[in-house]
């Protein structure tokens, strides 16, 4: 009986941990803002085209521009990422699983949009599979928000055993972030904020490959 119970326990799947902030109010606001923005852009382009080629041309141009923009808005709203053991589970229109232990390449990506910088982990699973971008922190000025301590700890543990892409470097980066948070340090003392600040201004997207992250981690206490 004991052996059977142990077998059942070992078959229990790992806990699924959400790597996103679930806020229905913010999601609705983003949805309306995105759709309204798409309508404004489509109407503007359609109006200009209509003046040149007539009403039908303007309508066609407006629809052609609006549909992809609305698709992007819906895609972003539907996207969810969870961590289950060492696997990232990514849901958009379908569901994909990516094992952090076997990922072939890991990079840190900094996005700068209107003064707001987002620090993300870019996971490339190889074999012609699309890379997955996982947001770790968002900063604006000297403030911002990061993934919770539990999420960062689980991510660090999952990355630790990746030898293909030297996941140890990225694991150490997340552990250093947790230590800075435990000390109660301000944003300027946190590694993710320092990385975001190091990215040159005026560039929408910048990639920090493993070698650059390794040099940065070597400077941390």
Protein backbone atom coordinates (compact mmCIF):
# COMPACT_ATOMS: atom_id res chain seq x y z
CA UNK A 1 0.00 0.00 0.00
CA UNK A 2 2.83 2.38 0.84
CA UNK A 3 4.55 1.72 -2.48
CA UNK A 4 1.32 2.37 -4.39
CA UNK A 5 0.78 5.62 -2.54
CA UNK A 6 4.35 6.68 -3.30
CA UNK A 7 3.85 5.90 -6.98
CA UNK A 8 0.75 8.05 -7.06
CA UNK A 9 2.56 10.93 -5.35
CA UNK A 10 5.44 10.77 -7.83
CA UNK A 11 2.98 10.99 -10.73
CA UNK A 12 1.55 14.30 -9.52
CA UNK A 13 2.52 17.03 -12.04
CA UNK A 14 4.52 20.05 -10.82
CA UNK A 15 2.66 23.09 -9.62
CA UNK A 16 1.78 25.55 -12.39
CA UNK A 17 2.93 29.05 -11.49
CA UNK A 18 1.58 32.11 -13.32
CA UNK A 19 4.25 34.44 -14.73
CA UNK A 20 1.87 37.30 -15.46
CA UNK A 21 -0.13 39.83 -13.48
CA UNK A 22 -3.82 38.93 -13.65
CA UNK A 23 -5.79 42.18 -13.40
CA UNK A 24 -9.11 42.18 -15.26
CA UNK A 25 -9.51 45.96 -15.00
CA UNK A 26 -6.11 46.66 -16.56
CA UNK A 27 -6.76 44.07 -19.28
CA UNK A 28 -10.07 45.69 -20.23
CA UNK A 29 -8.45 49.11 -20.31
CA UNK A 30 -5.65 47.85 -22.53
CA UNK A 31 -8.16 46.15 -24.82
CA UNK A 32 -10.20 49.31 -25.31
CA UNK A 33 -7.10 51.46 -25.73
CA UNK A 34 -5.68 49.06 -28.30
CA UNK A 35 -8.87 48.76 -30.31
CA UNK A 36 -9.50 52.52 -30.26
CA UNK A 37 -5.89 53.15 -31.33
CA UNK A 38 -6.27 50.67 -34.20
CA UNK A 39 -9.49 52.39 -35.33
CA UNK A 40 -7.86 55.82 -35.24
CA UNK A 41 -4.85 54.71 -37.28
CA UNK A 42 -7.04 52.83 -39.77
CA UNK A 43 -9.43 55.77 -40.13
CA UNK A 44 -6.58 58.21 -40.69
CA UNK A 45 -4.93 56.04 -43.37
CA UNK A 46 -8.29 55.27 -44.97
CA UNK A 47 -9.23 58.95 -45.03
CA UNK A 48 -6.01 59.93 -46.78
CA UNK A 49 -6.36 57.08 -49.28
CA UNK A 50 -10.01 58.02 -49.85
CA UNK A 51 -9.05 61.57 -50.79
CA UNK A 52 -6.66 60.21 -53.39
CA UNK A 53 -8.43 57.15 -54.77
CA UNK A 54 -12.04 57.54 -53.76
CA UNK A 55 -14.34 56.24 -51.04
CA UNK A 56 -14.04 52.54 -51.92
CA UNK A 57 -10.23 52.66 -51.90
CA UNK A 58 -10.26 54.46 -48.57
CA UNK A 59 -12.56 51.85 -47.05
CA UNK A 60 -10.42 48.98 -48.31
CA UNK A 61 -7.24 50.57 -46.97
CA UNK A 62 -8.86 51.21 -43.58
CA UNK A 63 -9.99 47.58 -43.27
CA UNK A 64 -6.63 46.19 -44.43
CA UNK A 65 -4.79 48.27 -41.82
CA UNK A 66 -7.28 47.77 -39.00
CA UNK A 67 -7.51 43.96 -39.09
CA UNK A 68 -3.80 43.23 -38.38
CA UNK A 69 -3.73 45.85 -35.63
CA UNK A 70 -6.81 44.39 -33.93
CA UNK A 71 -5.29 40.91 -34.29
CA UNK A 72 -2.13 42.06 -32.47
CA UNK A 73 -4.23 43.58 -29.67
CA UNK A 74 -6.25 40.37 -29.21
CA UNK A 75 -3.11 38.22 -29.44
CA UNK A 76 -1.44 40.26 -26.69
CA UNK A 77 -4.50 40.12 -24.45
CA UNK A 78 -4.84 36.37 -24.84
CA UNK A 79 -1.16 35.62 -24.22
CA UNK A 80 -0.41 33.91 -20.91
CA UNK A 81 2.81 32.33 -19.61
CA UNK A 82 3.12 29.80 -16.79
CA UNK A 83 6.04 27.89 -15.30
CA UNK A 84 5.47 24.20 -14.61
CA UNK A 85 8.56 22.54 -13.20
CA UNK A 86 11.26 23.52 -15.71
CA UNK A 87 8.82 24.14 -18.58
CA UNK A 88 7.38 27.41 -19.81
CA UNK A 89 3.78 27.02 -20.95
CA UNK A 90 2.79 29.74 -23.41
CA UNK A 91 -0.83 30.22 -24.43
CA UNK A 92 -1.96 32.41 -27.30
CA UNK A 93 -4.34 30.83 -29.83
CA UNK A 94 -2.74 27.49 -28.99
CA UNK A 95 -0.45 26.16 -26.24
CA UNK A 96 3.32 25.61 -26.46
CA UNK A 97 5.73 24.07 -23.99
CA UNK A 98 9.41 25.05 -23.82
CA UNK A 99 11.84 23.37 -21.45
CA UNK A 100 14.24 25.90 -19.91
CA UNK A 101 16.78 23.16 -19.23
CA UNK A 102 17.15 22.25 -22.92
CA UNK A 103 16.75 25.75 -24.45
CA UNK A 104 19.53 26.36 -26.97
CA UNK A 105 19.90 30.10 -26.44
CA UNK A 106 19.06 32.60 -23.70
CA UNK A 107 19.30 36.39 -23.96
CA UNK A 108 18.23 39.43 -22.01
CA UNK A 109 16.21 41.90 -24.08
CA UNK A 110 15.57 45.54 -23.10
CA UNK A 111 12.63 47.34 -24.72
CA UNK A 112 12.33 51.13 -24.41
CA UNK A 113 8.90 52.62 -25.15
CA UNK A 114 8.28 56.24 -24.17
CA UNK A 115 10.66 56.09 -21.23
CA UNK A 116 9.30 52.79 -19.91
CA UNK A 117 11.89 50.00 -20.06
CA UNK A 118 10.97 46.34 -19.99
CA UNK A 119 13.57 43.71 -19.09
CA UNK A 120 12.76 40.34 -20.64
CA UNK A 121 14.26 36.89 -20.91
CA UNK A 122 14.30 35.66 -24.50
CA UNK A 123 14.20 31.85 -24.67
CA UNK A 124 15.10 30.17 -27.97
CA UNK A 125 14.26 26.47 -27.99
CA UNK A 126 15.87 25.87 -31.40
CA UNK A 127 14.70 23.44 -34.08
CA UNK A 128 12.92 26.23 -35.98
CA UNK A 129 10.67 26.97 -33.02
CA UNK A 130 9.81 30.56 -32.28
CA UNK A 131 11.53 32.23 -29.36
CA UNK A 132 9.49 33.15 -26.28
CA UNK A 133 9.85 36.50 -24.55
CA UNK A 134 9.23 36.47 -20.81
CA UNK A 135 8.98 39.86 -19.08
CA UNK A 136 10.95 39.99 -15.84
CA UNK A 137 10.55 43.66 -14.84
CA UNK A 138 9.18 46.98 -16.05
CA UNK A 139 10.74 50.28 -14.97
CA UNK A 140 9.73 53.91 -15.47
CA UNK A 141 12.07 56.47 -13.95
CA UNK A 142 13.19 55.16 -10.55
CA UNK A 143 10.11 53.01 -9.98
CA UNK A 144 8.59 49.93 -11.51
CA UNK A 145 7.44 46.39 -10.89
CA UNK A 146 9.06 42.96 -11.15
CA UNK A 147 8.00 39.35 -11.08
CA UNK A 148 7.34 38.17 -7.54
CA UNK A 149 10.02 36.55 -5.40
CA UNK A 150 8.50 33.09 -5.83
CA UNK A 151 8.42 33.41 -9.63
CA UNK A 152 12.02 34.65 -9.78
CA UNK A 153 13.17 31.85 -7.45
CA UNK A 154 11.46 29.15 -9.52
CA UNK A 155 12.85 30.59 -12.76
CA UNK A 156 16.36 30.67 -11.28
CA UNK A 157 16.03 27.02 -10.23
CA UNK A 158 14.77 26.00 -13.68
CA UNK A 159 17.60 27.80 -15.50
CA UNK A 160 20.31 26.46 -13.22
CA UNK A 161 20.76 23.13 -15.03
CA UNK A 162 20.82 24.51 -18.58
CA UNK A 163 24.32 23.79 -19.88
CA UNK A 164 23.59 24.39 -23.58
CA UNK A 165 22.97 28.13 -23.12
CA UNK A 166 24.87 28.58 -19.81
CA UNK A 167 21.69 29.05 -17.83
CA UNK A 168 23.79 29.35 -14.66
CA UNK A 169 24.59 32.96 -15.63
CA UNK A 170 20.91 33.89 -15.89
CA UNK A 171 20.11 31.96 -12.73
CA UNK A 172 22.76 33.96 -10.85
CA UNK A 173 21.30 37.19 -12.21
CA UNK A 174 17.85 36.34 -10.81
CA UNK A 175 19.33 35.21 -7.48
CA UNK A 176 21.20 38.54 -7.24
CA UNK A 177 17.88 40.32 -7.87
CA UNK A 178 16.27 38.34 -5.04
CA UNK A 179 19.15 39.20 -2.69
CA UNK A 180 18.84 42.90 -3.50
CA UNK A 181 15.11 42.72 -2.81
CA UNK A 182 15.70 40.88 0.48
CA UNK A 183 18.11 43.62 1.58
CA UNK A 184 15.40 46.18 0.88
CA UNK A 185 17.54 47.99 -1.65
CA UNK A 186 16.08 50.67 -3.88
CA UNK A 187 15.68 50.35 -7.63
CA UNK A 188 19.19 51.64 -8.32
CA UNK A 189 20.66 48.71 -6.32
CA UNK A 190 18.75 46.02 -8.20
CA UNK A 191 20.51 44.18 -11.04
CA UNK A 192 17.52 44.21 -13.42
CA UNK A 193 17.14 47.97 -13.02
CA UNK A 194 20.86 48.46 -13.59
CA UNK A 195 20.65 46.40 -16.76
CA UNK A 196 17.69 48.44 -17.98
CA UNK A 197 19.54 51.68 -17.24
CA UNK A 198 22.63 50.46 -19.11
CA UNK A 199 20.74 50.10 -22.39
CA UNK A 200 21.32 53.11 -24.71
CA UNK A 201 18.39 55.51 -25.00
CA UNK A 202 16.54 55.91 -28.26
CA UNK A 203 16.64 52.23 -29.22
CA UNK A 204 13.31 50.42 -29.16
CA UNK A 205 14.82 46.98 -28.61
CA UNK A 206 18.29 45.86 -27.55
CA UNK A 207 19.56 42.33 -27.01
CA UNK A 208 22.09 41.46 -24.27
CA UNK A 209 23.57 38.06 -25.23
CA UNK A 210 24.86 35.56 -22.70
CA UNK A 211 28.43 36.93 -22.90
CA UNK A 212 27.28 40.46 -21.98
CA UNK A 213 25.08 39.18 -19.15
CA UNK A 214 27.96 37.06 -17.87
CA UNK A 215 30.25 40.11 -17.70
CA UNK A 216 27.55 42.05 -15.88
CA UNK A 217 26.85 39.26 -13.37
CA UNK A 218 30.59 39.05 -12.62
CA UNK A 219 30.43 42.64 -11.32
CA UNK A 220 27.62 41.89 -8.85
CA UNK A 221 28.30 41.27 -5.18
